[in-house]
Amino acid sequence: MVTSVPANDGQGIDPGIIEHGPRDSKKVALTFDACPTGRDDEYDERVVEVLIREKVPATLFMSGRWVEKNGERAKFLADQPQFEIANHAFWHPHMLEKDDERIVRELKRTQAIIKKITGKGPKYFRPPFGEVDERLAKIASQVGLVTVQYDIASGDPDPGLSAKRIVRAVVNEAKGGSIVVFHMNKNGLRTAEALPEIIKGLREKGFELVTVGEMLGKADAGTGETGRGDTGTRGRGDKETSQGEPRGTGDKENEKP
């Protein structure tokens, strides 16, 4: 059984790691990571256009550095009622290699910049590169964040995967409660191309597309309730989510909040 620990707002946040929602549901959550890339243009507006056109709710995990560089875009996305804004650390480092103090800085700095620019206070956190352990999840809970992973890696950063293969993998693997990870920072090379068929395929199978918050049945992740989603622990991240994100991208060791 997972034990809640006090959050910085005095409420209990579950320190578990959510990999998927309830399997007896017909809900699937599409999630999109906005990692900093170092490129001038690290925003794939085509992905967002598809989501808006198809009226698809989605949870967007934004790194603080990405939000800092793309403030107007972040504000636009946060203003869309179908999108849920979430925390993806600041510099996107390999957080299992960092000490507790550095992890706290990464999370709090991201919370602050997202709140300042969008007015939204994220409730969920996804570790960079999909790398997480119990220590990291516990620290996130103490900052007031629920750690959310995924059970389906779309593989969209892999240049060897065609749009058809991405569609086939996601639609065929989807189960009730699945959380799927994509990218919206142009690391997802064929995400925009694959997305319409993925949405169509999931809907044809009877799935309702929802945000992570809707999936877990929480109006507020700060209530201390874990919703109905399963929790577990993951070690090193899946390779599929790391491809296209070089080691150390944006990881400024000497930067301070």
C-alpha atoms as a PDB file:
ATOM      1  CA  MET A   1       0.000   0.000   0.000  1.00  0.00           C
ATOM      2  CA  VAL A   2       1.311   3.457  -0.886  1.00  0.00           C
ATOM      3  CA  THR A   3       1.552   5.944   1.944  1.00  0.00           C
ATOM      4  CA  SER A   4       0.825   9.629   1.404  1.00  0.00           C
ATOM      5  CA  VAL A   5       3.383  12.193   2.559  1.00  0.00           C
ATOM      6  CA  PRO A   6       2.721  15.862   3.348  1.00  0.00           C
ATOM      7  CA  ALA A   7       2.878  18.174   0.339  1.00  0.00           C
ATOM      8  CA  ASN A   8       4.087  21.732   0.625  1.00  0.00           C
ATOM      9  CA  ASP A   9       0.487  22.907   0.753  1.00  0.00           C
ATOM     10  CA  GLY A  10      -0.281  20.661   3.696  1.00  0.00           C
ATOM     11  CA  GLN A  11      -2.258  18.147   1.626  1.00  0.00           C
ATOM     12  CA  GLY A  12      -1.250  14.536   1.014  1.00  0.00           C
ATOM     13  CA  ILE A  13       0.112  13.573  -2.411  1.00  0.00           C
ATOM     14  CA  ASP A  14       0.539   9.903  -3.233  1.00  0.00           C
ATOM     15  CA  PRO A  15       4.253   9.119  -3.825  1.00  0.00           C
ATOM     16  CA  GLY A  16       3.460   6.228  -6.161  1.00  0.00           C
ATOM     17  CA  ILE A  17       4.129   6.127  -9.904  1.00  0.00           C
ATOM     18  CA  ILE A  18       1.065   5.994 -12.124  1.00  0.00           C
ATOM     19  CA  GLU A  19       1.601   3.982 -15.303  1.00  0.00           C
ATOM     20  CA  HIS A  20      -2.017   3.654 -16.425  1.00  0.00           C
ATOM     21  CA  GLY A  21      -5.566   4.282 -15.329  1.00  0.00           C
ATOM     22  CA  PRO A  22      -8.271   1.766 -14.445  1.00  0.00           C
ATOM     23  CA  ARG A  23      -8.293  -1.185 -16.820  1.00  0.00           C
ATOM     24  CA  ASP A  24     -12.052  -1.616 -16.564  1.00  0.00           C
ATOM     25  CA  SER A  25     -12.634   1.766 -18.195  1.00  0.00           C
ATOM     26  CA  LYS A  26     -12.873   2.632 -21.883  1.00  0.00           C
ATOM     27  CA  LYS A  27     -10.686   5.707 -21.512  1.00  0.00           C
ATOM     28  CA  VAL A  28      -7.287   6.407 -23.084  1.00  0.00           C
ATOM     29  CA  ALA A  29      -5.121   9.443 -22.306  1.00  0.00           C
ATOM     30  CA  LEU A  30      -2.924  10.922 -25.035  1.00  0.00           C
ATOM     31  CA  THR A  31       0.020  12.833 -23.564  1.00  0.00           C
ATOM     32  CA  PHE A  32       2.626  15.007 -25.271  1.00  0.00           C
ATOM     33  CA  ASP A  33       6.069  15.960 -23.959  1.00  0.00           C
ATOM     34  CA  ALA A  34       7.531  19.396 -24.717  1.00  0.00           C
ATOM     35  CA  CYS A  35      11.234  18.911 -23.998  1.00  0.00           C
ATOM     36  CA  PRO A  36      13.853  21.619 -24.664  1.00  0.00           C
ATOM     37  CA  THR A  37      15.896  20.744 -27.737  1.00  0.00           C
ATOM     38  CA  GLY A  38      18.272  23.669 -28.201  1.00  0.00           C
ATOM     39  CA  ARG A  39      16.752  24.389 -31.611  1.00  0.00           C
ATOM     40  CA  ASP A  40      15.253  27.762 -32.454  1.00  0.00           C
ATOM     41  CA  ASP A  41      11.964  26.116 -33.407  1.00  0.00           C
ATOM     42  CA  GLU A  42      10.947  23.360 -30.988  1.00  0.00           C
ATOM     43  CA  TYR A  43       7.175  23.453 -31.395  1.00  0.00           C
ATOM     44  CA  ASP A  44       5.195  21.289 -33.805  1.00  0.00           C
ATOM     45  CA  GLU A  45       2.050  23.316 -34.372  1.00  0.00           C
ATOM     46  CA  ARG A  46       0.718  20.580 -36.674  1.00  0.00           C
ATOM     47  CA  VAL A  47       0.257  18.283 -33.670  1.00  0.00           C
ATOM     48  CA  VAL A  48      -1.752  20.925 -31.831  1.00  0.00           C
ATOM     49  CA  GLU A  49      -3.818  21.695 -34.930  1.00  0.00           C
ATOM     50  CA  VAL A  50      -4.870  18.040 -35.159  1.00  0.00           C
ATOM     51  CA  LEU A  51      -5.841  17.897 -31.483  1.00  0.00           C
ATOM     52  CA  ILE A  52      -7.886  21.094 -31.725  1.00  0.00           C
ATOM     53  CA  ARG A  53      -9.537  20.105 -34.988  1.00  0.00           C
ATOM     54  CA  GLU A  54     -10.483  16.675 -33.681  1.00  0.00           C
ATOM     55  CA  LYS A  55     -11.507  18.069 -30.262  1.00  0.00           C
ATOM     56  CA  VAL A  56      -9.156  15.711 -28.430  1.00  0.00           C
ATOM     57  CA  PRO A  57      -8.340  16.372 -24.760  1.00  0.00           C
ATOM     58  CA  ALA A  58      -4.657  15.868 -23.968  1.00  0.00           C
ATOM     59  CA  THR A  59      -2.155  16.326 -21.158  1.00  0.00           C
ATOM     60  CA  LEU A  60       0.904  18.367 -22.148  1.00  0.00           C
ATOM     61  CA  PHE A  61       4.050  17.774 -20.090  1.00  0.00           C
ATOM     62  CA  MET A  62       6.143  20.926 -20.504  1.00  0.00           C
ATOM     63  CA  SER A  63       9.715  21.461 -19.388  1.00  0.00           C
ATOM     64  CA  GLY A  64      10.289  24.776 -17.667  1.00  0.00           C
ATOM     65  CA  ARG A  65      12.989  25.710 -20.154  1.00  0.00           C
ATOM     66  CA  TRP A  66      10.614  25.007 -23.058  1.00  0.00           C
ATOM     67  CA  VAL A  67       7.979  27.238 -21.469  1.00  0.00           C
ATOM     68  CA  GLU A  68      10.558  29.967 -20.853  1.00  0.00           C
ATOM     69  CA  LYS A  69      11.566  29.934 -24.537  1.00  0.00           C
ATOM     70  CA  ASN A  70       8.027  29.469 -25.873  1.00  0.00           C
ATOM     71  CA  GLY A  71       5.974  31.637 -23.548  1.00  0.00           C
ATOM     72  CA  GLU A  72       3.273  32.741 -25.983  1.00  0.00           C
ATOM     73  CA  ARG A  73       2.807  29.192 -27.228  1.00  0.00           C
ATOM     74  CA  ALA A  74       2.588  27.851 -23.695  1.00  0.00           C
ATOM     75  CA  LYS A  75      -0.003  30.484 -22.787  1.00  0.00           C
ATOM     76  CA  PHE A  76      -2.038  29.670 -25.900  1.00  0.00           C
ATOM     77  CA  LEU A  77      -2.026  25.957 -25.062  1.00  0.00           C
ATOM     78  CA  ALA A  78      -2.977  26.586 -21.430  1.00  0.00           C
ATOM     79  CA  ASP A  79      -5.893  28.741 -22.593  1.00  0.00           C
ATOM     80  CA  GLN A  80      -7.405  25.832 -24.541  1.00  0.00           C
ATOM     81  CA  PRO A  81      -9.921  24.101 -22.229  1.00  0.00           C
ATOM     82  CA  GLN A  82      -9.206  20.669 -23.725  1.00  0.00           C
ATOM     83  CA  PHE A  83      -5.555  20.716 -22.624  1.00  0.00           C
ATOM     84  CA  GLU A  84      -4.138  19.916 -19.210  1.00  0.00           C
ATOM     85  CA  ILE A  85      -0.710  21.423 -18.453  1.00  0.00           C
ATOM     86  CA  ALA A  86       1.831  19.325 -16.530  1.00  0.00           C
ATOM     87  CA  ASN A  87       5.456  19.454 -15.292  1.00  0.00           C
ATOM     88  CA  HIS A  88       8.374  17.863 -17.203  1.00  0.00           C
ATOM     89  CA  ALA A  89      11.271  19.263 -15.101  1.00  0.00           C
ATOM     90  CA  PHE A  90      13.214  22.379 -16.117  1.00  0.00           C
ATOM     91  CA  TRP A  91      16.431  21.429 -17.935  1.00  0.00           C
ATOM     92  CA  HIS A  92      15.277  17.869 -18.781  1.00  0.00           C
ATOM     93  CA  PRO A  93      18.213  16.126 -17.058  1.00  0.00           C
ATOM     94  CA  HIS A  94      18.700  12.464 -16.149  1.00  0.00           C
ATOM     95  CA  MET A  95      17.138  13.015 -12.743  1.00  0.00           C
ATOM     96  CA  LEU A  96      18.091   9.684 -11.193  1.00  0.00           C
ATOM     97  CA  GLU A  97      21.693  10.922 -11.327  1.00  0.00           C
ATOM     98  CA  LYS A  98      20.853  14.132  -9.442  1.00  0.00           C
ATOM     99  CA  ASP A  99      20.769  14.750  -5.708  1.00  0.00           C
ATOM    100  CA  ASP A 100      17.584  15.625  -3.852  1.00  0.00           C
ATOM    101  CA  GLU A 101      18.287  19.363  -3.834  1.00  0.00           C
ATOM    102  CA  ARG A 102      18.749  19.492  -7.597  1.00  0.00           C
ATOM    103  CA  ILE A 103      15.525  17.529  -8.160  1.00  0.00           C
ATOM    104  CA  VAL A 104      13.556  19.918  -5.968  1.00  0.00           C
ATOM    105  CA  ARG A 105      14.994  22.907  -7.871  1.00  0.00           C
ATOM    106  CA  GLU A 106      14.035  21.338 -11.210  1.00  0.00           C
ATOM    107  CA  LEU A 107      10.448  20.759 -10.119  1.00  0.00           C
ATOM    108  CA  LYS A 108       9.842  24.005  -8.251  1.00  0.00           C
ATOM    109  CA  ARG A 109      11.423  26.164 -10.936  1.00  0.00           C
ATOM    110  CA  THR A 110       9.183  24.550 -13.535  1.00  0.00           C
ATOM    111  CA  GLN A 111       6.097  25.013 -11.366  1.00  0.00           C
ATOM    112  CA  ALA A 112       6.955  28.685 -10.941  1.00  0.00           C
ATOM    113  CA  ILE A 113       7.560  29.464 -14.615  1.00  0.00           C
ATOM    114  CA  ILE A 114       4.432  27.618 -15.760  1.00  0.00           C
ATOM    115  CA  LYS A 115       2.333  29.426 -13.164  1.00  0.00           C
ATOM    116  CA  LYS A 116       3.818  32.800 -14.086  1.00  0.00           C
ATOM    117  CA  ILE A 117       3.278  32.428 -17.824  1.00  0.00           C
ATOM    118  CA  THR A 118       0.061  30.403 -18.007  1.00  0.00           C
ATOM    119  CA  GLY A 119      -1.621  31.016 -14.674  1.00  0.00           C
ATOM    120  CA  LYS A 120      -1.948  27.244 -14.254  1.00  0.00           C
ATOM    121  CA  GLY A 121      -0.443  25.218 -11.417  1.00  0.00           C
ATOM    122  CA  PRO A 122       0.458  21.715 -12.685  1.00  0.00           C
ATOM    123  CA  LYS A 123      -0.647  18.713 -10.637  1.00  0.00           C
ATOM    124  CA  TYR A 124       1.261  16.026 -12.546  1.00  0.00           C
ATOM    125  CA  PHE A 125       4.938  15.369 -13.269  1.00  0.00           C
ATOM    126  CA  ARG A 126       6.584  13.172 -15.898  1.00  0.00           C
ATOM    127  CA  PRO A 127      10.288  12.389 -15.429  1.00  0.00           C
ATOM    128  CA  PRO A 128      12.571  13.201 -18.383  1.00  0.00           C
ATOM    129  CA  PHE A 129      13.586  10.202 -20.491  1.00  0.00           C
ATOM    130  CA  GLY A 130      10.996   8.107 -18.654  1.00  0.00           C
ATOM    131  CA  GLU A 131      13.547   7.482 -15.872  1.00  0.00           C
ATOM    132  CA  VAL A 132      12.051   7.215 -12.397  1.00  0.00           C
ATOM    133  CA  ASP A 133      12.428   5.436  -9.085  1.00  0.00           C
ATOM    134  CA  GLU A 134      10.774   5.584  -5.674  1.00  0.00           C
ATOM    135  CA  ARG A 135      13.103   8.369  -4.451  1.00  0.00           C
ATOM    136  CA  LEU A 136      12.222  10.660  -7.336  1.00  0.00           C
ATOM    137  CA  ALA A 137       8.489   9.983  -7.019  1.00  0.00           C
ATOM    138  CA  LYS A 138       8.610  10.690  -3.283  1.00  0.00           C
ATOM    139  CA  ILE A 139      10.416  14.012  -3.807  1.00  0.00           C
ATOM    140  CA  ALA A 140       7.853  14.964  -6.473  1.00  0.00           C
ATOM    141  CA  SER A 141       5.047  14.170  -4.021  1.00  0.00           C
ATOM    142  CA  GLN A 142       6.645  16.423  -1.427  1.00  0.00           C
ATOM    143  CA  VAL A 143       6.632  19.244  -3.983  1.00  0.00           C
ATOM    144  CA  GLY A 144       2.923  18.544  -4.521  1.00  0.00           C
ATOM    145  CA  LEU A 145       3.117  16.560  -7.778  1.00  0.00           C
ATOM    146  CA  VAL A 146       1.811  13.146  -8.803  1.00  0.00           C
ATOM    147  CA  THR A 147       4.307  11.199 -10.948  1.00  0.00           C
ATOM    148  CA  VAL A 148       2.792   9.959 -14.196  1.00  0.00           C
ATOM    149  CA  GLN A 149       4.474   7.571 -16.611  1.00  0.00           C
ATOM    150  CA  TYR A 150       2.776   5.628 -19.404  1.00  0.00           C
ATOM    151  CA  ASP A 151       2.122   2.093 -20.548  1.00  0.00           C
ATOM    152  CA  ILE A 152       2.432   2.807 -24.281  1.00  0.00           C
ATOM    153  CA  ALA A 153       5.499   4.510 -25.774  1.00  0.00           C
ATOM    154  CA  SER A 154       4.549   5.658 -29.263  1.00  0.00           C
ATOM    155  CA  GLY A 155       8.197   5.570 -30.362  1.00  0.00           C
ATOM    156  CA  ASP A 156       7.650   8.807 -32.280  1.00  0.00           C
ATOM    157  CA  PRO A 157      11.255  10.095 -31.862  1.00  0.00           C
ATOM    158  CA  ASP A 158      12.577   7.038 -33.735  1.00  0.00           C
ATOM    159  CA  PRO A 159      13.500   8.097 -37.308  1.00  0.00           C
ATOM    160  CA  GLY A 160      13.182   4.461 -38.383  1.00  0.00           C
ATOM    161  CA  LEU A 161       9.482   4.243 -37.563  1.00  0.00           C
ATOM    162  CA  SER A 162       6.970   5.153 -40.258  1.00  0.00           C
ATOM    163  CA  ALA A 163       3.697   6.881 -39.421  1.00  0.00           C
ATOM    164  CA  LYS A 164       1.859   3.640 -40.252  1.00  0.00           C
ATOM    165  CA  ARG A 165       3.918   1.669 -37.753  1.00  0.00           C
ATOM    166  CA  ILE A 166       3.286   4.247 -35.041  1.00  0.00           C
ATOM    167  CA  VAL A 167      -0.449   4.111 -35.744  1.00  0.00           C
ATOM    168  CA  ARG A 168      -0.501   0.325 -35.720  1.00  0.00           C
ATOM    169  CA  ALA A 169       1.492   0.060 -32.487  1.00  0.00           C
ATOM    170  CA  VAL A 170      -0.602   2.559 -30.521  1.00  0.00           C
ATOM    171  CA  VAL A 171      -4.022   1.403 -31.721  1.00  0.00           C
ATOM    172  CA  ASN A 172      -3.234  -2.307 -31.351  1.00  0.00           C
ATOM    173  CA  GLU A 173      -1.672  -1.956 -27.886  1.00  0.00           C
ATOM    174  CA  ALA A 174      -4.293   0.358 -26.395  1.00  0.00           C
ATOM    175  CA  LYS A 175      -6.260  -0.992 -23.441  1.00  0.00           C
ATOM    176  CA  GLY A 176      -8.682   0.565 -21.018  1.00  0.00           C
ATOM    177  CA  GLY A 177      -6.741   3.067 -18.935  1.00  0.00           C
ATOM    178  CA  SER A 178      -3.760   3.329 -21.301  1.00  0.00           C
ATOM    179  CA  ILE A 179      -1.570   6.426 -21.132  1.00  0.00           C
ATOM    180  CA  VAL A 180       0.289   7.058 -24.400  1.00  0.00           C
ATOM    181  CA  VAL A 181       3.388   9.262 -24.709  1.00  0.00           C
ATOM    182  CA  PHE A 182       4.166  11.380 -27.796  1.00  0.00           C
ATOM    183  CA  HIS A 183       6.260  14.512 -28.411  1.00  0.00           C
ATOM    184  CA  MET A 184       5.160  17.978 -29.507  1.00  0.00           C
ATOM    185  CA  ASN A 185       8.601  19.596 -29.824  1.00  0.00           C
ATOM    186  CA  LYS A 186       9.462  18.253 -33.289  1.00  0.00           C
ATOM    187  CA  ASN A 187      11.288  15.291 -31.747  1.00  0.00           C
ATOM    188  CA  GLY A 188       8.173  13.419 -32.774  1.00  0.00           C
ATOM    189  CA  LEU A 189       9.179  13.226 -36.416  1.00  0.00           C
ATOM    190  CA  ARG A 190       5.924  11.722 -37.712  1.00  0.00           C
ATOM    191  CA  THR A 191       3.592  12.443 -34.822  1.00  0.00           C
ATOM    192  CA  ALA A 192       1.394  14.918 -36.703  1.00  0.00           C
ATOM    193  CA  GLU A 193       1.140  12.533 -39.643  1.00  0.00           C
ATOM    194  CA  ALA A 194       0.186   9.560 -37.477  1.00  0.00           C
ATOM    195  CA  LEU A 195      -2.128  11.339 -35.050  1.00  0.00           C
ATOM    196  CA  PRO A 196      -5.333  11.566 -37.152  1.00  0.00           C
ATOM    197  CA  GLU A 197      -5.323   7.810 -37.810  1.00  0.00           C
ATOM    198  CA  ILE A 198      -4.513   7.053 -34.163  1.00  0.00           C
ATOM    199  CA  ILE A 199      -7.444   9.174 -32.998  1.00  0.00           C
ATOM    200  CA  LYS A 200      -9.751   7.565 -35.549  1.00  0.00           C
ATOM    201  CA  GLY A 201      -8.591   4.054 -34.691  1.00  0.00           C
ATOM    202  CA  LEU A 202      -8.988   4.502 -30.935  1.00  0.00           C
ATOM    203  CA  ARG A 203     -12.446   5.996 -31.313  1.00  0.00           C
ATOM    204  CA  GLU A 204     -13.515   3.175 -33.622  1.00  0.00           C
ATOM    205  CA  LYS A 205     -12.498   0.731 -30.896  1.00  0.00           C
ATOM    206  CA  GLY A 206     -14.837   2.540 -28.524  1.00  0.00           C
ATOM    207  CA  PHE A 207     -12.263   4.439 -26.473  1.00  0.00           C
ATOM    208  CA  GLU A 208     -12.982   7.861 -25.012  1.00  0.00           C
ATOM    209  CA  LEU A 209      -9.973  10.189 -25.223  1.00  0.00           C
ATOM    210  CA  VAL A 210      -9.372  12.080 -21.973  1.00  0.00           C
ATOM    211  CA  THR A 211      -6.722  13.972 -20.004  1.00  0.00           C
ATOM    212  CA  VAL A 212      -4.716  12.232 -17.293  1.00  0.00           C
ATOM    213  CA  GLY A 213      -6.761  14.074 -14.670  1.00  0.00           C
ATOM    214  CA  GLU A 214     -10.008  12.862 -16.204  1.00  0.00           C
ATOM    215  CA  MET A 215      -8.570   9.363 -16.493  1.00  0.00           C
ATOM    216  CA  LEU A 216      -7.812   9.231 -12.787  1.00  0.00           C
ATOM    217  CA  GLY A 217     -11.138  10.740 -11.820  1.00  0.00           C
ATOM    218  CA  LYS A 218      -9.592  13.645  -9.914  1.00  0.00           C
ATOM    219  CA  ALA A 219     -10.799  17.185  -9.988  1.00  0.00           C
ATOM    220  CA  ASP A 220      -7.761  18.085  -7.913  1.00  0.00           C
ATOM    221  CA  ALA A 221      -4.650  15.926  -7.544  1.00  0.00           C
ATOM    222  CA  GLY A 222      -3.917  17.639  -4.239  1.00  0.00           C
ATOM    223  CA  THR A 223      -6.698  15.837  -2.413  1.00  0.00           C
ATOM    224  CA  GLY A 224      -4.440  13.004  -1.331  1.00  0.00           C
ATOM    225  CA  GLU A 225      -6.574  10.426  -3.169  1.00  0.00           C
ATOM    226  CA  THR A 226      -4.867   8.319  -5.794  1.00  0.00           C
ATOM    227  CA  GLY A 227      -7.924   7.932  -7.993  1.00  0.00           C
ATOM    228  CA  ARG A 228      -8.446   4.521  -9.509  1.00  0.00           C
ATOM    229  CA  GLY A 229      -5.218   4.383 -11.457  1.00  0.00           C
ATOM    230  CA  ASP A 230      -2.669   1.689 -10.760  1.00  0.00           C
ATOM    231  CA  THR A 231       0.664   2.658  -9.268  1.00  0.00           C
ATOM    232  CA  GLY A 232       3.977   0.943  -9.620  1.00  0.00           C
ATOM    233  CA  THR A 233       7.665   1.649 -10.010  1.00  0.00           C
ATOM    234  CA  ARG A 234       9.759   1.967 -13.140  1.00  0.00           C
ATOM    235  CA  GLY A 235      13.512   1.924 -13.392  1.00  0.00           C
ATOM    236  CA  ARG A 236      15.438   3.335 -16.308  1.00  0.00           C
ATOM    237  CA  GLY A 237      13.285   4.810 -19.021  1.00  0.00           C
ATOM    238  CA  ASP A 238      12.128   3.054 -22.164  1.00  0.00           C
ATOM    239  CA  LYS A 239      14.535   3.540 -25.055  1.00  0.00           C
ATOM    240  CA  GLU A 240      11.765   4.679 -27.328  1.00  0.00           C
ATOM    241  CA  THR A 241      11.186   7.840 -25.302  1.00  0.00           C
ATOM    242  CA  SER A 242      14.879   8.679 -25.161  1.00  0.00           C
ATOM    243  CA  GLN A 243      15.546   8.483 -28.889  1.00  0.00           C
ATOM    244  CA  GLY A 244      15.854  11.907 -30.403  1.00  0.00           C
ATOM    245  CA  GLU A 245      16.726  13.398 -27.011  1.00  0.00           C
ATOM    246  CA  PRO A 246      20.533  13.335 -26.719  1.00  0.00           C
ATOM    247  CA  ARG A 247      22.000  12.703 -23.308  1.00  0.00           C
ATOM    248  CA  GLY A 248      22.448  15.931 -21.394  1.00  0.00           C
ATOM    249  CA  THR A 249      20.190  18.007 -23.661  1.00  0.00           C
ATOM    250  CA  GLY A 250      19.614  21.268 -21.848  1.00  0.00           C
ATOM    251  CA  ASP A 251      21.119  19.908 -18.640  1.00  0.00           C
ATOM    252  CA  LYS A 252      22.969  22.886 -17.195  1.00  0.00           C
ATOM    253  CA  GLU A 253      24.605  21.598 -14.047  1.00  0.00           C
ATOM    254  CA  ASN A 254      25.542  25.031 -12.739  1.00  0.00           C
ATOM    255  CA  GLU A 255      22.214  26.716 -13.346  1.00  0.00           C
ATOM    256  CA  LYS A 256      20.333  27.819 -10.244  1.00  0.00           C
ATOM    257  CA  PRO A 257      16.671  28.683  -9.885  1.00  0.00           C
END
